[in-house]
């Protein structure tokens, strides 16, 4: 998967865990990975369902199993692929959690209010949070893409940032003047106060060298509380959803949104058209005279 598909580290880690769990199940049944049958896979899927596992998670595990057995067959390590006859769990595609435009504005205002009160090293952290928030909401980056940005990536093209997305695919994403100003203000202070050189836009003393996804998520939840929003409803991915939904609500082209989000398939982007359709239906039901009940 790493060499041929260019799968991301997080995807490789998730598939690795899935296959370890599958291997443990087969071991309890007295079978090895090379000798699994369709019935073994069906029994495994039945066990996942009995555990109450979400169908979406079970479907991902089955995907890992299918690809693994396809690999064994292709490399001559197995005589057949027992997963070909197994149907995926049927799942409905949930609508993404969204943040309203007003809530996004309140969140950014809270970050800037915090910045106005900070001095010294605390001011650098506050500048960093404003830059993180502005970039998330103005560009729709995945959180892994955001924390993995380098200073060179935001400096290479004016009004654009170079993003390395899933599968190592690169794309240019436009950045608003407000987000660009927030990043410039942060980088200026970062360069002046940094203890040592770093290529990362959001450096950290951790093993990765940059902020983790979990750290950013916690900071956003704390900021949500300051803004009077429910922290449980907010995550970096919710801001990505907000970016896409608000663009489409403003009349943006679906293909353009697909390119900015880095979706390989436009069907993934179309989920946001369903969100808008649901919103418009509610507007009609609430305000159209023929839709009102007598």
C-alpha atoms as a PDB file:
ATOM      1  CA  UNK A   1       0.000   0.000   0.000  1.00  0.00           C
ATOM      2  CA  UNK A   2       2.836   2.378   0.769  1.00  0.00           C
ATOM      3  CA  UNK A   3       4.845   1.653  -2.367  1.00  0.00           C
ATOM      4  CA  UNK A   4       2.110   1.074  -4.946  1.00  0.00           C
ATOM      5  CA  UNK A   5      -0.768   3.251  -3.729  1.00  0.00           C
ATOM      6  CA  UNK A   6       1.161   5.914  -1.830  1.00  0.00           C
ATOM      7  CA  UNK A   7      -1.152   5.439   1.155  1.00  0.00           C
ATOM      8  CA  UNK A   8      -0.828   7.948   3.990  1.00  0.00           C
ATOM      9  CA  UNK A   9       0.765   6.977   7.317  1.00  0.00           C
ATOM     10  CA  UNK A  10      -2.557   7.199   9.132  1.00  0.00           C
ATOM     11  CA  UNK A  11      -4.187   4.875   6.583  1.00  0.00           C
ATOM     12  CA  UNK A  12      -1.326   2.380   6.879  1.00  0.00           C
ATOM     13  CA  UNK A  13      -1.577   2.438  10.676  1.00  0.00           C
ATOM     14  CA  UNK A  14      -5.360   1.885  10.604  1.00  0.00           C
ATOM     15  CA  UNK A  15      -5.087  -1.019   8.126  1.00  0.00           C
ATOM     16  CA  UNK A  16      -2.289  -2.518  10.194  1.00  0.00           C
ATOM     17  CA  UNK A  17      -4.466  -2.532  13.313  1.00  0.00           C
ATOM     18  CA  UNK A  18      -7.367  -4.024  11.361  1.00  0.00           C
ATOM     19  CA  UNK A  19      -5.232  -6.882  10.042  1.00  0.00           C
ATOM     20  CA  UNK A  20      -3.759  -7.586  13.477  1.00  0.00           C
ATOM     21  CA  UNK A  21      -7.280  -7.919  14.872  1.00  0.00           C
ATOM     22  CA  UNK A  22      -8.271 -10.207  11.971  1.00  0.00           C
ATOM     23  CA  UNK A  23      -5.137 -12.323  12.483  1.00  0.00           C
ATOM     24  CA  UNK A  24      -5.945 -12.676  16.199  1.00  0.00           C
ATOM     25  CA  UNK A  25      -9.452 -13.912  15.324  1.00  0.00           C
ATOM     26  CA  UNK A  26      -8.071 -16.487  12.876  1.00  0.00           C
ATOM     27  CA  UNK A  27      -5.523 -17.651  15.449  1.00  0.00           C
ATOM     28  CA  UNK A  28      -8.318 -18.331  17.928  1.00  0.00           C
ATOM     29  CA  UNK A  29      -9.991 -20.408  15.206  1.00  0.00           C
ATOM     30  CA  UNK A  30      -6.767 -22.339  14.638  1.00  0.00           C
ATOM     31  CA  UNK A  31      -6.145 -20.841  11.196  1.00  0.00           C
ATOM     32  CA  UNK A  32      -3.426 -18.691   9.668  1.00  0.00           C
ATOM     33  CA  UNK A  33      -3.847 -15.729   7.338  1.00  0.00           C
ATOM     34  CA  UNK A  34      -2.941 -17.784   4.249  1.00  0.00           C
ATOM     35  CA  UNK A  35      -5.572 -20.426   4.962  1.00  0.00           C
ATOM     36  CA  UNK A  36      -8.663 -18.348   5.746  1.00  0.00           C
ATOM     37  CA  UNK A  37     -11.902 -19.340   4.020  1.00  0.00           C
ATOM     38  CA  UNK A  38     -14.982 -17.237   3.152  1.00  0.00           C
ATOM     39  CA  UNK A  39     -16.730 -18.758   6.176  1.00  0.00           C
ATOM     40  CA  UNK A  40     -13.934 -17.547   8.464  1.00  0.00           C
ATOM     41  CA  UNK A  41     -14.329 -14.017   7.135  1.00  0.00           C
ATOM     42  CA  UNK A  42     -18.132 -14.191   7.531  1.00  0.00           C
ATOM     43  CA  UNK A  43     -17.690 -15.394  11.117  1.00  0.00           C
ATOM     44  CA  UNK A  44     -15.295 -12.532  11.787  1.00  0.00           C
ATOM     45  CA  UNK A  45     -17.738  -9.969  10.401  1.00  0.00           C
ATOM     46  CA  UNK A  46     -20.521 -11.532  12.488  1.00  0.00           C
ATOM     47  CA  UNK A  47     -18.356 -11.182  15.589  1.00  0.00           C
ATOM     48  CA  UNK A  48     -17.763  -7.491  14.839  1.00  0.00           C
ATOM     49  CA  UNK A  49     -21.521  -6.973  14.495  1.00  0.00           C
ATOM     50  CA  UNK A  50     -22.151  -8.799  17.784  1.00  0.00           C
ATOM     51  CA  UNK A  51     -19.668  -6.446  19.455  1.00  0.00           C
ATOM     52  CA  UNK A  52     -21.834  -3.517  18.329  1.00  0.00           C
ATOM     53  CA  UNK A  53     -19.193  -2.146  15.978  1.00  0.00           C
ATOM     54  CA  UNK A  54     -20.364   0.596  13.629  1.00  0.00           C
ATOM     55  CA  UNK A  55     -21.011  -0.648  10.110  1.00  0.00           C
ATOM     56  CA  UNK A  56     -18.694   1.977   8.674  1.00  0.00           C
ATOM     57  CA  UNK A  57     -15.822   0.649  10.819  1.00  0.00           C
ATOM     58  CA  UNK A  58     -16.639  -2.957   9.920  1.00  0.00           C
ATOM     59  CA  UNK A  59     -16.679  -1.996   6.231  1.00  0.00           C
ATOM     60  CA  UNK A  60     -13.209  -0.467   6.573  1.00  0.00           C
ATOM     61  CA  UNK A  61     -11.925  -3.643   8.235  1.00  0.00           C
ATOM     62  CA  UNK A  62     -13.361  -5.737   5.413  1.00  0.00           C
ATOM     63  CA  UNK A  63     -11.649  -3.454   2.895  1.00  0.00           C
ATOM     64  CA  UNK A  64      -8.310  -4.115   4.593  1.00  0.00           C
ATOM     65  CA  UNK A  65      -8.979  -7.869   4.536  1.00  0.00           C
ATOM     66  CA  UNK A  66      -9.925  -7.810   0.842  1.00  0.00           C
ATOM     67  CA  UNK A  67      -6.809  -5.916  -0.167  1.00  0.00           C
ATOM     68  CA  UNK A  68      -4.609  -8.161   1.939  1.00  0.00           C
ATOM     69  CA  UNK A  69      -5.967 -11.386   0.399  1.00  0.00           C
ATOM     70  CA  UNK A  70      -5.716  -9.813  -3.061  1.00  0.00           C
ATOM     71  CA  UNK A  71      -2.051  -9.168  -2.306  1.00  0.00           C
ATOM     72  CA  UNK A  72      -1.497 -12.772  -1.170  1.00  0.00           C
ATOM     73  CA  UNK A  73      -3.102 -14.102  -4.349  1.00  0.00           C
ATOM     74  CA  UNK A  74      -1.228 -11.701  -6.609  1.00  0.00           C
ATOM     75  CA  UNK A  75       2.117 -12.629  -5.089  1.00  0.00           C
ATOM     76  CA  UNK A  76       1.410 -16.375  -5.304  1.00  0.00           C
ATOM     77  CA  UNK A  77       1.281 -16.779  -1.514  1.00  0.00           C
ATOM     78  CA  UNK A  78      -2.286 -18.083  -1.635  1.00  0.00           C
ATOM     79  CA  UNK A  79      -4.302 -20.097  -4.140  1.00  0.00           C
ATOM     80  CA  UNK A  80      -7.443 -17.956  -4.031  1.00  0.00           C
ATOM     81  CA  UNK A  81      -9.022 -14.839  -2.541  1.00  0.00           C
ATOM     82  CA  UNK A  82     -11.650 -15.855   0.028  1.00  0.00           C
ATOM     83  CA  UNK A  83     -12.834 -12.265   0.451  1.00  0.00           C
ATOM     84  CA  UNK A  84     -14.244 -11.831  -3.061  1.00  0.00           C
ATOM     85  CA  UNK A  85     -17.577 -13.441  -2.136  1.00  0.00           C
ATOM     86  CA  UNK A  86     -18.100 -11.343   1.013  1.00  0.00           C
ATOM     87  CA  UNK A  87     -20.578  -8.478   0.807  1.00  0.00           C
ATOM     88  CA  UNK A  88     -19.777  -5.203   2.560  1.00  0.00           C
ATOM     89  CA  UNK A  89     -22.003  -4.126   5.462  1.00  0.00           C
ATOM     90  CA  UNK A  90     -24.649  -1.761   4.121  1.00  0.00           C
ATOM     91  CA  UNK A  91     -24.130   1.695   5.499  1.00  0.00           C
ATOM     92  CA  UNK A  92     -25.889   4.967   5.031  1.00  0.00           C
ATOM     93  CA  UNK A  93     -23.718   7.944   4.328  1.00  0.00           C
ATOM     94  CA  UNK A  94     -24.114  10.323   7.281  1.00  0.00           C
ATOM     95  CA  UNK A  95     -24.316  14.026   6.641  1.00  0.00           C
ATOM     96  CA  UNK A  96     -21.272  15.882   7.978  1.00  0.00           C
ATOM     97  CA  UNK A  97     -21.453  17.878  11.187  1.00  0.00           C
ATOM     98  CA  UNK A  98     -21.498  21.558  10.354  1.00  0.00           C
ATOM     99  CA  UNK A  99     -20.680  24.881  11.920  1.00  0.00           C
ATOM    100  CA  UNK A 100     -22.768  27.901  10.945  1.00  0.00           C
ATOM    101  CA  UNK A 101     -21.220  31.027   9.495  1.00  0.00           C
ATOM    102  CA  UNK A 102     -22.159  32.919  12.662  1.00  0.00           C
ATOM    103  CA  UNK A 103     -20.496  30.287  14.851  1.00  0.00           C
ATOM    104  CA  UNK A 104     -17.323  30.379  12.733  1.00  0.00           C
ATOM    105  CA  UNK A 105     -17.250  34.169  13.090  1.00  0.00           C
ATOM    106  CA  UNK A 106     -17.663  33.905  16.866  1.00  0.00           C
ATOM    107  CA  UNK A 107     -14.861  31.350  17.054  1.00  0.00           C
ATOM    108  CA  UNK A 108     -12.435  33.559  15.132  1.00  0.00           C
ATOM    109  CA  UNK A 109     -13.464  36.586  17.229  1.00  0.00           C
ATOM    110  CA  UNK A 110     -12.711  34.613  20.404  1.00  0.00           C
ATOM    111  CA  UNK A 111      -9.242  33.713  19.093  1.00  0.00           C
ATOM    112  CA  UNK A 112      -8.487  37.349  18.281  1.00  0.00           C
ATOM    113  CA  UNK A 113      -9.822  38.476  21.664  1.00  0.00           C
ATOM    114  CA  UNK A 114      -7.467  36.019  23.348  1.00  0.00           C
ATOM    115  CA  UNK A 115      -4.572  37.354  21.231  1.00  0.00           C
ATOM    116  CA  UNK A 116      -5.268  40.930  22.353  1.00  0.00           C
ATOM    117  CA  UNK A 117      -4.701  39.910  25.983  1.00  0.00           C
ATOM    118  CA  UNK A 118      -1.467  37.937  25.569  1.00  0.00           C
ATOM    119  CA  UNK A 119       2.144  39.046  25.839  1.00  0.00           C
ATOM    120  CA  UNK A 120       5.557  37.408  25.521  1.00  0.00           C
ATOM    121  CA  UNK A 121       5.659  33.681  24.709  1.00  0.00           C
ATOM    122  CA  UNK A 122       1.928  33.413  25.322  1.00  0.00           C
ATOM    123  CA  UNK A 123       1.401  35.850  22.453  1.00  0.00           C
ATOM    124  CA  UNK A 124       3.192  33.514  20.023  1.00  0.00           C
ATOM    125  CA  UNK A 125       0.808  30.679  20.978  1.00  0.00           C
ATOM    126  CA  UNK A 126      -2.164  32.990  20.533  1.00  0.00           C
ATOM    127  CA  UNK A 127      -0.872  34.080  17.116  1.00  0.00           C
ATOM    128  CA  UNK A 128      -0.412  30.434  16.206  1.00  0.00           C
ATOM    129  CA  UNK A 129      -4.010  29.618  17.164  1.00  0.00           C
ATOM    130  CA  UNK A 130      -5.352  32.487  15.040  1.00  0.00           C
ATOM    131  CA  UNK A 131      -3.262  31.302  12.083  1.00  0.00           C
ATOM    132  CA  UNK A 132      -4.420  27.696  12.556  1.00  0.00           C
ATOM    133  CA  UNK A 133      -8.051  28.708  12.759  1.00  0.00           C
ATOM    134  CA  UNK A 134      -7.950  31.111   9.834  1.00  0.00           C
ATOM    135  CA  UNK A 135      -6.208  28.548   7.624  1.00  0.00           C
ATOM    136  CA  UNK A 136      -8.602  25.756   8.592  1.00  0.00           C
ATOM    137  CA  UNK A 137     -11.714  27.761   7.854  1.00  0.00           C
ATOM    138  CA  UNK A 138     -10.338  29.645   4.835  1.00  0.00           C
ATOM    139  CA  UNK A 139      -8.768  26.687   3.014  1.00  0.00           C
ATOM    140  CA  UNK A 140     -10.598  23.545   4.140  1.00  0.00           C
ATOM    141  CA  UNK A 141      -7.380  21.630   4.749  1.00  0.00           C
ATOM    142  CA  UNK A 142      -7.419  18.255   6.456  1.00  0.00           C
ATOM    143  CA  UNK A 143      -5.937  18.607   9.931  1.00  0.00           C
ATOM    144  CA  UNK A 144      -3.053  16.273   8.985  1.00  0.00           C
ATOM    145  CA  UNK A 145      -2.316  18.531   5.997  1.00  0.00           C
ATOM    146  CA  UNK A 146      -2.457  21.645   8.170  1.00  0.00           C
ATOM    147  CA  UNK A 147      -0.072  20.526  10.913  1.00  0.00           C
ATOM    148  CA  UNK A 148       2.284  19.117   8.263  1.00  0.00           C
ATOM    149  CA  UNK A 149       2.677  22.432   6.430  1.00  0.00           C
ATOM    150  CA  UNK A 150       6.172  23.799   6.021  1.00  0.00           C
ATOM    151  CA  UNK A 151       7.109  27.473   6.032  1.00  0.00           C
ATOM    152  CA  UNK A 152       8.263  27.045   2.424  1.00  0.00           C
ATOM    153  CA  UNK A 153       4.806  25.750   1.442  1.00  0.00           C
ATOM    154  CA  UNK A 154       3.094  28.957   2.547  1.00  0.00           C
ATOM    155  CA  UNK A 155       5.803  31.162   1.074  1.00  0.00           C
ATOM    156  CA  UNK A 156       6.174  29.583  -2.367  1.00  0.00           C
ATOM    157  CA  UNK A 157       3.155  31.185  -4.064  1.00  0.00           C
ATOM    158  CA  UNK A 158       1.454  34.441  -3.183  1.00  0.00           C
ATOM    159  CA  UNK A 159      -2.211  33.895  -2.313  1.00  0.00           C
ATOM    160  CA  UNK A 160      -1.761  30.094  -2.511  1.00  0.00           C
ATOM    161  CA  UNK A 161      -0.294  27.347  -0.360  1.00  0.00           C
ATOM    162  CA  UNK A 162       1.205  24.105  -1.629  1.00  0.00           C
ATOM    163  CA  UNK A 163      -0.450  21.181   0.143  1.00  0.00           C
ATOM    164  CA  UNK A 164       0.649  17.554   0.175  1.00  0.00           C
ATOM    165  CA  UNK A 165      -2.534  15.529   0.587  1.00  0.00           C
ATOM    166  CA  UNK A 166      -3.593  11.889   0.671  1.00  0.00           C
ATOM    167  CA  UNK A 167      -1.470   9.526  -1.366  1.00  0.00           C
ATOM    168  CA  UNK A 168       1.253  12.146  -1.640  1.00  0.00           C
ATOM    169  CA  UNK A 169      -0.822  14.154  -4.150  1.00  0.00           C
ATOM    170  CA  UNK A 170       0.065  17.847  -4.191  1.00  0.00           C
ATOM    171  CA  UNK A 171      -2.355  20.688  -4.882  1.00  0.00           C
ATOM    172  CA  UNK A 172      -2.398  24.474  -4.727  1.00  0.00           C
ATOM    173  CA  UNK A 173      -5.070  25.875  -2.406  1.00  0.00           C
ATOM    174  CA  UNK A 174      -6.057  29.565  -2.508  1.00  0.00           C
ATOM    175  CA  UNK A 175      -5.819  31.466   0.760  1.00  0.00           C
ATOM    176  CA  UNK A 176      -7.865  34.514   1.720  1.00  0.00           C
ATOM    177  CA  UNK A 177      -6.136  37.803   2.451  1.00  0.00           C
ATOM    178  CA  UNK A 178      -7.272  37.554   6.093  1.00  0.00           C
ATOM    179  CA  UNK A 179      -5.733  34.104   6.525  1.00  0.00           C
ATOM    180  CA  UNK A 180      -2.574  35.205   4.705  1.00  0.00           C
ATOM    181  CA  UNK A 181      -2.212  38.185   7.053  1.00  0.00           C
ATOM    182  CA  UNK A 182      -2.721  35.943  10.115  1.00  0.00           C
ATOM    183  CA  UNK A 183      -0.055  33.503   8.932  1.00  0.00           C
ATOM    184  CA  UNK A 184       2.397  36.305   8.083  1.00  0.00           C
ATOM    185  CA  UNK A 185       1.985  37.900  11.521  1.00  0.00           C
ATOM    186  CA  UNK A 186       2.555  34.529  13.185  1.00  0.00           C
ATOM    187  CA  UNK A 187       5.603  33.607  11.061  1.00  0.00           C
ATOM    188  CA  UNK A 188       7.215  36.984  11.746  1.00  0.00           C
ATOM    189  CA  UNK A 189       7.073  36.434  15.524  1.00  0.00           C
ATOM    190  CA  UNK A 190       7.970  32.737  15.167  1.00  0.00           C
ATOM    191  CA  UNK A 191      11.197  33.561  13.344  1.00  0.00           C
ATOM    192  CA  UNK A 192      12.105  36.176  15.925  1.00  0.00           C
ATOM    193  CA  UNK A 193      11.457  33.959  18.965  1.00  0.00           C
ATOM    194  CA  UNK A 194      12.220  30.428  17.723  1.00  0.00           C
ATOM    195  CA  UNK A 195      14.917  28.646  19.716  1.00  0.00           C
ATOM    196  CA  UNK A 196      16.283  26.923  16.625  1.00  0.00           C
ATOM    197  CA  UNK A 197      15.663  26.530  12.898  1.00  0.00           C
ATOM    198  CA  UNK A 198      12.686  24.430  11.834  1.00  0.00           C
ATOM    199  CA  UNK A 199      11.086  23.773   8.455  1.00  0.00           C
ATOM    200  CA  UNK A 200       7.628  23.358   9.982  1.00  0.00           C
ATOM    201  CA  UNK A 201       5.049  26.126  10.036  1.00  0.00           C
ATOM    202  CA  UNK A 202       3.764  24.870  13.393  1.00  0.00           C
ATOM    203  CA  UNK A 203       6.872  23.401  15.056  1.00  0.00           C
ATOM    204  CA  UNK A 204       6.784  21.388  18.252  1.00  0.00           C
ATOM    205  CA  UNK A 205       9.262  19.631  20.506  1.00  0.00           C
ATOM    206  CA  UNK A 206       7.466  16.320  19.935  1.00  0.00           C
ATOM    207  CA  UNK A 207       8.743  13.360  17.935  1.00  0.00           C
ATOM    208  CA  UNK A 208       7.096  14.530  14.696  1.00  0.00           C
ATOM    209  CA  UNK A 209       8.655  17.973  14.922  1.00  0.00           C
ATOM    210  CA  UNK A 210       5.302  19.701  14.454  1.00  0.00           C
ATOM    211  CA  UNK A 211       1.987  20.021  16.293  1.00  0.00           C
ATOM    212  CA  UNK A 212      -0.164  16.921  16.471  1.00  0.00           C
ATOM    213  CA  UNK A 213      -3.764  16.672  15.292  1.00  0.00           C
ATOM    214  CA  UNK A 214      -4.838  15.944  18.856  1.00  0.00           C
ATOM    215  CA  UNK A 215      -3.202  19.100  20.184  1.00  0.00           C
ATOM    216  CA  UNK A 216      -4.995  21.304  17.668  1.00  0.00           C
ATOM    217  CA  UNK A 217      -8.319  19.595  18.404  1.00  0.00           C
ATOM    218  CA  UNK A 218      -7.933  20.274  22.131  1.00  0.00           C
ATOM    219  CA  UNK A 219      -7.049  23.922  21.507  1.00  0.00           C
ATOM    220  CA  UNK A 220     -10.147  24.356  19.340  1.00  0.00           C
ATOM    221  CA  UNK A 221     -12.404  22.825  21.984  1.00  0.00           C
ATOM    222  CA  UNK A 222     -11.010  25.217  24.584  1.00  0.00           C
ATOM    223  CA  UNK A 223     -11.588  28.136  22.241  1.00  0.00           C
ATOM    224  CA  UNK A 224     -15.143  26.940  21.539  1.00  0.00           C
ATOM    225  CA  UNK A 225     -15.938  27.185  25.257  1.00  0.00           C
ATOM    226  CA  UNK A 226     -14.622  30.762  25.300  1.00  0.00           C
ATOM    227  CA  UNK A 227     -16.826  31.583  22.305  1.00  0.00           C
ATOM    228  CA  UNK A 228     -19.920  30.177  24.003  1.00  0.00           C
ATOM    229  CA  UNK A 229     -20.113  27.166  21.663  1.00  0.00           C
ATOM    230  CA  UNK A 230     -20.507  23.506  22.561  1.00  0.00           C
ATOM    231  CA  UNK A 231     -16.948  22.044  22.522  1.00  0.00           C
ATOM    232  CA  UNK A 232     -18.346  18.581  21.744  1.00  0.00           C
ATOM    233  CA  UNK A 233     -19.638  19.878  18.398  1.00  0.00           C
ATOM    234  CA  UNK A 234     -16.336  21.331  17.277  1.00  0.00           C
ATOM    235  CA  UNK A 235     -13.338  19.629  15.698  1.00  0.00           C
ATOM    236  CA  UNK A 236     -10.881  20.498  12.931  1.00  0.00           C
ATOM    237  CA  UNK A 237     -12.921  18.377  10.526  1.00  0.00           C
ATOM    238  CA  UNK A 238     -16.088  20.321  11.366  1.00  0.00           C
ATOM    239  CA  UNK A 239     -14.323  23.486  10.197  1.00  0.00           C
ATOM    240  CA  UNK A 240     -13.342  21.700   6.968  1.00  0.00           C
ATOM    241  CA  UNK A 241     -16.998  20.777   6.488  1.00  0.00           C
ATOM    242  CA  UNK A 242     -17.988  24.375   7.209  1.00  0.00           C
ATOM    243  CA  UNK A 243     -15.542  25.651   4.594  1.00  0.00           C
ATOM    244  CA  UNK A 244     -17.042  23.432   1.880  1.00  0.00           C
ATOM    245  CA  UNK A 245     -20.675  23.944   2.843  1.00  0.00           C
ATOM    246  CA  UNK A 246     -20.401  27.727   3.125  1.00  0.00           C
ATOM    247  CA  UNK A 247     -18.625  27.930  -0.248  1.00  0.00           C
ATOM    248  CA  UNK A 248     -21.396  25.967  -1.959  1.00  0.00           C
ATOM    249  CA  UNK A 249     -24.067  28.014  -0.190  1.00  0.00           C
ATOM    250  CA  UNK A 250     -22.409  31.114  -1.642  1.00  0.00           C
ATOM    251  CA  UNK A 251     -22.612  29.717  -5.170  1.00  0.00           C
ATOM    252  CA  UNK A 252     -19.171  28.116  -5.588  1.00  0.00           C
ATOM    253  CA  UNK A 253     -18.682  25.526  -8.330  1.00  0.00           C
ATOM    254  CA  UNK A 254     -18.687  21.916  -7.107  1.00  0.00           C
ATOM    255  CA  UNK A 255     -15.588  21.021  -9.137  1.00  0.00           C
ATOM    256  CA  UNK A 256     -13.670  23.949  -7.651  1.00  0.00           C
ATOM    257  CA  UNK A 257     -14.607  22.857  -4.137  1.00  0.00           C
ATOM    258  CA  UNK A 258     -13.530  19.296  -4.988  1.00  0.00           C
ATOM    259  CA  UNK A 259     -10.087  20.532  -6.059  1.00  0.00           C
ATOM    260  CA  UNK A 260      -9.635  22.675  -2.970  1.00  0.00           C
ATOM    261  CA  UNK A 261     -10.646  19.839  -0.639  1.00  0.00           C
ATOM    262  CA  UNK A 262      -8.353  17.401  -2.434  1.00  0.00           C
ATOM    263  CA  UNK A 263     -11.091  14.819  -3.084  1.00  0.00           C
ATOM    264  CA  UNK A 264     -10.066  12.240  -5.678  1.00  0.00           C
ATOM    265  CA  UNK A 265     -13.722  11.530  -6.502  1.00  0.00           C
ATOM    266  CA  UNK A 266     -16.380  14.216  -6.878  1.00  0.00           C
ATOM    267  CA  UNK A 267     -18.952  11.897  -5.291  1.00  0.00           C
ATOM    268  CA  UNK A 268     -17.200  12.586  -1.974  1.00  0.00           C
ATOM    269  CA  UNK A 269     -17.711  16.318  -2.460  1.00  0.00           C
ATOM    270  CA  UNK A 270     -21.357  15.859  -3.423  1.00  0.00           C
ATOM    271  CA  UNK A 271     -22.261  15.089   0.189  1.00  0.00           C
ATOM    272  CA  UNK A 272     -22.234  18.853   0.722  1.00  0.00           C
ATOM    273  CA  UNK A 273     -24.870  19.342  -1.959  1.00  0.00           C
ATOM    274  CA  UNK A 274     -27.092  17.039   0.071  1.00  0.00           C
ATOM    275  CA  UNK A 275     -26.532  19.264   3.096  1.00  0.00           C
ATOM    276  CA  UNK A 276     -27.560  22.316   1.083  1.00  0.00           C
ATOM    277  CA  UNK A 277     -30.579  20.486  -0.362  1.00  0.00           C
ATOM    278  CA  UNK A 278     -31.746  19.604   3.130  1.00  0.00           C
ATOM    279  CA  UNK A 279     -31.347  23.206   4.241  1.00  0.00           C
ATOM    280  CA  UNK A 280     -33.295  24.510   1.236  1.00  0.00           C
ATOM    281  CA  UNK A 281     -36.064  21.964   1.789  1.00  0.00           C
ATOM    282  CA  UNK A 282     -36.490  23.194   5.352  1.00  0.00           C
ATOM    283  CA  UNK A 283     -36.626  26.792   4.113  1.00  0.00           C
ATOM    284  CA  UNK A 284     -39.417  25.892   1.679  1.00  0.00           C
ATOM    285  CA  UNK A 285     -41.336  23.957   4.321  1.00  0.00           C
ATOM    286  CA  UNK A 286     -41.049  26.854   6.755  1.00  0.00           C
ATOM    287  CA  UNK A 287     -41.781  29.776   4.456  1.00  0.00           C
ATOM    288  CA  UNK A 288     -43.639  28.693   1.315  1.00  0.00           C
ATOM    289  CA  UNK A 289     -47.413  29.331   1.650  1.00  0.00           C
ATOM    290  CA  UNK A 290     -48.390  26.042  -0.023  1.00  0.00           C
ATOM    291  CA  UNK A 291     -46.124  24.070   2.310  1.00  0.00           C
ATOM    292  CA  UNK A 292     -47.762  25.399   5.458  1.00  0.00           C
ATOM    293  CA  UNK A 293     -50.348  23.206   7.115  1.00  0.00           C
ATOM    294  CA  UNK A 294     -53.828  24.614   7.519  1.00  0.00           C
END
